[in-house]
């Protein structure tokens, strides 16, 4: 039974609104989806490791830093000069490691380069006694 006001017509539509308001349900489901998307990668980590805590900072390229470039095909360059083989790279890095102050090795690797080529450069630096290795990147596009 509905209340009728005197200004209402007797044949006005008095049907009950039988639809369900789904807006709160959608809001709750979106919040739950966001929570699950954030927490699932944390839960899926099965290997427990203690990561180093280091603040990232921008370093200045010093003149004594050594720049080794690895192109997309895996060729290695000492500054702008091609390196013949891995032994020549180790010899050049050993000469650089003997300098005072010790230079840092900056590796410029193409994004399409194989990890093997970059790994060989890192291994050569380890054999030569280079203590500091950095990877040069470009900032993301705005």
Protein backbone atom coordinates (compact mmCIF):
# COMPACT_ATOMS: atom_id res chain seq x y z
CA UNK A 1 0.00 0.00 0.00
CA UNK A 2 1.44 3.32 -1.06
CA UNK A 3 0.74 6.76 0.30
CA UNK A 4 -1.14 8.97 -2.08
CA UNK A 5 -0.80 12.67 -2.04
CA UNK A 6 -3.67 14.85 -3.19
CA UNK A 7 -1.74 16.34 -6.10
CA UNK A 8 -0.98 12.86 -7.57
CA UNK A 9 -3.19 11.45 -10.24
CA UNK A 10 -4.83 8.13 -9.39
CA UNK A 11 -3.49 6.42 -12.55
CA UNK A 12 0.19 7.39 -11.96
CA UNK A 13 2.75 4.60 -12.12
CA UNK A 14 3.03 3.18 -8.61
CA UNK A 15 5.17 0.20 -9.53
CA UNK A 16 7.89 -0.77 -7.14
CA UNK A 17 11.49 -0.37 -8.26
CA UNK A 18 12.68 -3.98 -8.48
CA UNK A 19 16.20 -3.44 -9.92
CA UNK A 20 19.31 -3.99 -7.81
CA UNK A 21 21.84 -1.21 -7.48
CA UNK A 22 25.10 -2.89 -8.56
CA UNK A 23 27.38 0.14 -8.14
CA UNK A 24 28.50 -0.78 -4.58
CA UNK A 25 29.12 -4.37 -5.68
CA UNK A 26 31.30 -3.21 -8.58
CA UNK A 27 33.22 -0.85 -6.28
CA UNK A 28 33.95 -3.61 -3.80
CA UNK A 29 35.01 -6.01 -6.56
CA UNK A 30 37.42 -3.43 -8.05
CA UNK A 31 39.00 -2.82 -4.64
CA UNK A 32 39.43 -6.57 -4.11
CA UNK A 33 40.94 -6.94 -7.59
CA UNK A 34 43.51 -4.23 -6.85
CA UNK A 35 44.39 -5.81 -3.52
CA UNK A 36 44.89 -9.22 -5.13
CA UNK A 37 46.98 -7.78 -7.97
CA UNK A 38 49.29 -6.13 -5.46
CA UNK A 39 49.65 -9.06 -3.06
CA UNK A 40 49.92 -12.04 -5.44
CA UNK A 41 53.49 -11.29 -6.69
CA UNK A 42 54.67 -11.08 -3.08
CA UNK A 43 53.09 -14.40 -2.18
CA UNK A 44 54.45 -16.20 -5.28
CA UNK A 45 58.09 -15.58 -4.35
CA UNK A 46 59.30 -19.03 -3.30
CA UNK A 47 63.03 -18.33 -2.89
CA UNK A 48 63.97 -16.44 0.24
CA UNK A 49 66.83 -14.01 -0.32
CA UNK A 50 68.11 -11.00 1.55
CA UNK A 51 68.40 -8.18 -0.93
CA UNK A 52 71.02 -5.46 -0.43
CA UNK A 53 69.75 -2.13 0.76
CA UNK A 54 71.35 0.58 -1.32
CA UNK A 55 70.07 3.99 -2.28
CA UNK A 56 70.23 4.58 -6.00
CA UNK A 57 72.04 7.66 -7.12
CA UNK A 58 73.16 9.22 -10.31
CA UNK A 59 76.91 9.05 -10.79
CA UNK A 60 79.03 11.34 -12.86
CA UNK A 61 81.15 9.83 -15.64
CA UNK A 62 84.76 10.48 -14.70
CA UNK A 63 87.47 10.80 -17.36
CA UNK A 64 89.30 7.68 -16.09
CA UNK A 65 86.18 5.47 -16.41
CA UNK A 66 86.41 2.73 -19.02
CA UNK A 67 83.47 2.35 -21.40
CA UNK A 68 82.93 -1.04 -23.04
CA UNK A 69 80.11 -1.29 -25.57
CA UNK A 70 78.30 -4.48 -26.58
CA UNK A 71 76.22 -4.15 -29.75
CA UNK A 72 73.16 -6.18 -30.76
CA UNK A 73 75.29 -8.81 -32.53
CA UNK A 74 77.50 -9.34 -29.46
CA UNK A 75 80.58 -7.49 -30.75
CA UNK A 76 82.61 -5.81 -28.00
CA UNK A 77 84.17 -2.33 -28.32
CA UNK A 78 86.76 -0.65 -26.09
CA UNK A 79 85.47 2.92 -26.17
CA UNK A 80 85.02 3.13 -29.99
CA UNK A 81 87.62 0.54 -31.06
CA UNK A 82 86.57 -3.10 -31.71
CA UNK A 83 88.13 -5.73 -29.44
CA UNK A 84 89.50 -8.77 -31.28
CA UNK A 85 88.73 -11.43 -28.65
CA UNK A 86 88.12 -12.06 -24.97
CA UNK A 87 91.85 -12.33 -24.15
CA UNK A 88 92.50 -8.89 -25.61
CA UNK A 89 89.65 -7.49 -23.53
CA UNK A 90 91.06 -9.05 -20.35
CA UNK A 91 94.50 -7.58 -21.14
CA UNK A 92 93.09 -4.08 -21.71
CA UNK A 93 90.99 -4.30 -18.54
CA UNK A 94 94.03 -5.50 -16.55
CA UNK A 95 96.02 -2.46 -17.73
CA UNK A 96 93.13 -0.23 -16.70
CA UNK A 97 92.82 -1.94 -13.29
CA UNK A 98 96.50 -1.20 -12.59
CA UNK A 99 95.93 2.58 -12.84
CA UNK A 100 95.55 4.77 -9.79
CA UNK A 101 92.85 5.75 -8.96
CA UNK A 102 91.17 2.57 -10.14
CA UNK A 103 88.67 3.24 -12.91
CA UNK A 104 85.09 2.06 -13.00
CA UNK A 105 83.93 -0.10 -15.91
CA UNK A 106 80.82 1.27 -17.59
CA UNK A 107 79.08 -1.25 -19.85
CA UNK A 108 76.89 0.09 -22.65
CA UNK A 109 74.91 -2.91 -23.83
CA UNK A 110 72.33 -2.84 -26.59
CA UNK A 111 68.86 -3.89 -25.38
CA UNK A 112 68.81 -6.62 -28.03
CA UNK A 113 72.24 -8.04 -27.09
CA UNK A 114 72.44 -11.58 -25.75
CA UNK A 115 73.12 -11.98 -22.06
CA UNK A 116 76.05 -14.22 -22.98
CA UNK A 117 77.95 -11.32 -24.57
CA UNK A 118 77.37 -9.05 -21.58
CA UNK A 119 78.27 -11.89 -19.21
CA UNK A 120 81.58 -12.42 -21.00
CA UNK A 121 82.43 -8.74 -20.46
CA UNK A 122 81.56 -8.96 -16.76
CA UNK A 123 83.61 -12.15 -16.42
CA UNK A 124 86.57 -10.52 -18.18
CA UNK A 125 86.34 -7.59 -15.77
CA UNK A 126 86.35 -10.01 -12.85
CA UNK A 127 89.44 -11.78 -14.23
CA UNK A 128 91.21 -8.44 -14.74
CA UNK A 129 90.53 -7.25 -11.19
CA UNK A 130 88.08 -4.45 -11.93
CA UNK A 131 86.30 -3.66 -8.68
CA UNK A 132 83.43 -1.46 -9.84
CA UNK A 133 81.10 -2.17 -12.76
CA UNK A 134 78.20 -0.01 -13.88
CA UNK A 135 75.62 -0.34 -16.63
CA UNK A 136 74.77 2.72 -18.70
CA UNK A 137 71.11 3.22 -19.64
CA UNK A 138 68.95 5.89 -21.16
CA UNK A 139 66.20 7.55 -19.16
CA UNK A 140 62.63 6.56 -20.08
CA UNK A 141 60.69 8.72 -22.49
CA UNK A 142 58.44 11.29 -20.84
